């Protein structure tokens, strides 16, 4: 939802937090990778 309203950095933070809890969530990994590429792969 955050991505849909243009909050790419916040969406990436949410996926990274989810991966800290459950590092094997494939969908979260894929979305984090996509969001990083959309944001220019810069640190947030």
N, C-alpha and C. Protein backbone atom coordinates (compact mmCIF):
# COMPACT_ATOMS: atom_id res chain seq x y z
N UNK A 1 0.82 -1.18 0.00
CA UNK A 1 0.00 0.00 0.00
C UNK A 1 0.87 1.25 0.00
N UNK A 2 1.93 1.26 0.78
CA UNK A 2 2.81 2.42 0.81
C UNK A 2 3.40 2.71 -0.56
N UNK A 3 3.77 1.68 -1.27
CA UNK A 3 4.32 1.85 -2.62
C UNK A 3 3.30 2.51 -3.54
N UNK A 4 2.05 2.10 -3.42
CA UNK A 4 1.00 2.62 -4.29
C UNK A 4 0.76 4.11 -4.09
N UNK A 5 1.03 4.63 -2.91
CA UNK A 5 0.82 6.05 -2.67
C UNK A 5 2.13 6.84 -2.78
N UNK A 6 3.16 6.19 -3.31
CA UNK A 6 4.41 6.89 -3.58
C UNK A 6 5.40 6.91 -2.43
N UNK A 7 5.15 6.14 -1.41
CA UNK A 7 6.04 6.09 -0.24
C UNK A 7 7.02 4.92 -0.39
N UNK A 8 7.84 4.96 -1.43
CA UNK A 8 8.74 3.86 -1.74
C UNK A 8 9.72 3.57 -0.60
N UNK A 9 10.30 4.60 -0.02
CA UNK A 9 11.26 4.38 1.06
C UNK A 9 10.61 3.73 2.28
N UNK A 10 9.42 4.19 2.62
CA UNK A 10 8.72 3.60 3.77
C UNK A 10 8.31 2.17 3.49
N UNK A 11 7.92 1.89 2.25
CA UNK A 11 7.56 0.52 1.87
C UNK A 11 8.78 -0.38 1.98
N UNK A 12 9.92 0.11 1.52
CA UNK A 12 11.15 -0.68 1.61
C UNK A 12 11.51 -0.95 3.06
N UNK A 13 11.37 0.04 3.91
CA UNK A 13 11.64 -0.15 5.34
C UNK A 13 10.74 -1.25 5.91
N UNK A 14 9.48 -1.24 5.53
CA UNK A 14 8.54 -2.24 6.05
C UNK A 14 8.93 -3.64 5.61
N UNK A 15 9.31 -3.79 4.34
CA UNK A 15 9.73 -5.12 3.86
C UNK A 15 11.02 -5.56 4.54
N UNK A 16 11.95 -4.63 4.75
CA UNK A 16 13.20 -5.00 5.42
C UNK A 16 12.94 -5.41 6.87
N UNK A 17 12.01 -4.75 7.54
CA UNK A 17 11.65 -5.14 8.90
C UNK A 17 11.02 -6.53 8.92
N UNK A 18 10.17 -6.79 7.95
CA UNK A 18 9.55 -8.12 7.87
C UNK A 18 10.61 -9.19 7.65
N UNK A 19 11.61 -8.89 6.84
CA UNK A 19 12.68 -9.86 6.57
C UNK A 19 13.57 -10.08 7.78
N UNK A 20 13.68 -9.08 8.66
CA UNK A 20 14.44 -9.29 9.90
C UNK A 20 13.75 -10.34 10.77
N UNK A 21 12.44 -10.34 10.77
CA UNK A 21 11.66 -11.28 11.58
C UNK A 21 11.61 -12.64 10.91
N UNK A 22 11.38 -12.64 9.60
CA UNK A 22 11.24 -13.89 8.86
C UNK A 22 12.04 -13.78 7.56
N UNK A 23 13.33 -14.13 7.59
CA UNK A 23 14.22 -13.89 6.45
C UNK A 23 13.94 -14.74 5.22
N UNK A 24 13.00 -15.65 5.28
CA UNK A 24 12.74 -16.52 4.14
C UNK A 24 11.45 -16.19 3.39
N UNK A 25 10.92 -15.00 3.61
CA UNK A 25 9.71 -14.58 2.90
C UNK A 25 10.10 -14.16 1.48
N UNK A 26 9.85 -15.04 0.53
CA UNK A 26 10.27 -14.79 -0.85
C UNK A 26 9.62 -13.54 -1.44
N UNK A 27 8.34 -13.34 -1.18
CA UNK A 27 7.67 -12.16 -1.72
C UNK A 27 8.28 -10.88 -1.16
N UNK A 28 8.60 -10.87 0.12
CA UNK A 28 9.22 -9.69 0.73
C UNK A 28 10.60 -9.45 0.15
N UNK A 29 11.35 -10.51 -0.09
CA UNK A 29 12.68 -10.37 -0.71
C UNK A 29 12.55 -9.75 -2.10
N UNK A 30 11.61 -10.28 -2.87
CA UNK A 30 11.42 -9.77 -4.24
C UNK A 30 10.98 -8.31 -4.24
N UNK A 31 10.06 -7.96 -3.35
CA UNK A 31 9.59 -6.57 -3.30
C UNK A 31 10.69 -5.63 -2.83
N UNK A 32 11.49 -6.06 -1.85
CA UNK A 32 12.59 -5.22 -1.38
C UNK A 32 13.58 -4.98 -2.52
N UNK A 33 13.86 -6.01 -3.28
CA UNK A 33 14.78 -5.87 -4.41
C UNK A 33 14.20 -4.89 -5.44
N UNK A 34 12.93 -5.03 -5.74
CA UNK A 34 12.26 -4.14 -6.70
C UNK A 34 12.28 -2.70 -6.20
N UNK A 35 11.95 -2.50 -4.94
CA UNK A 35 11.90 -1.15 -4.39
C UNK A 35 13.29 -0.52 -4.35
N UNK A 36 14.31 -1.32 -4.07
CA UNK A 36 15.67 -0.78 -4.08
C UNK A 36 16.05 -0.30 -5.47
N UNK A 37 15.68 -1.07 -6.49
CA UNK A 37 16.01 -0.66 -7.85
C UNK A 37 15.22 0.58 -8.25
N UNK A 38 13.97 0.67 -7.82
CA UNK A 38 13.15 1.86 -8.12
C UNK A 38 13.68 3.10 -7.44
N UNK A 39 14.27 2.94 -6.27
CA UNK A 39 14.77 4.10 -5.54
C UNK A 39 16.22 4.41 -5.88
N UNK A 40 16.76 3.74 -6.87
CA UNK A 40 18.14 3.99 -7.26
C UNK A 40 19.13 3.22 -6.43
N UNK A 41 18.65 2.19 -5.69
CA UNK A 41 19.49 1.34 -4.86
C UNK A 41 20.31 2.13 -3.86
N UNK A 42 19.72 3.19 -3.34
CA UNK A 42 20.42 3.99 -2.33
C UNK A 42 19.95 3.57 -0.95
N UNK A 43 20.78 3.83 0.03
CA UNK A 43 20.40 3.52 1.41
C UNK A 43 19.34 4.51 1.87
N UNK A 44 18.47 4.02 2.73
CA UNK A 44 17.41 4.88 3.26
C UNK A 44 17.72 5.30 4.67
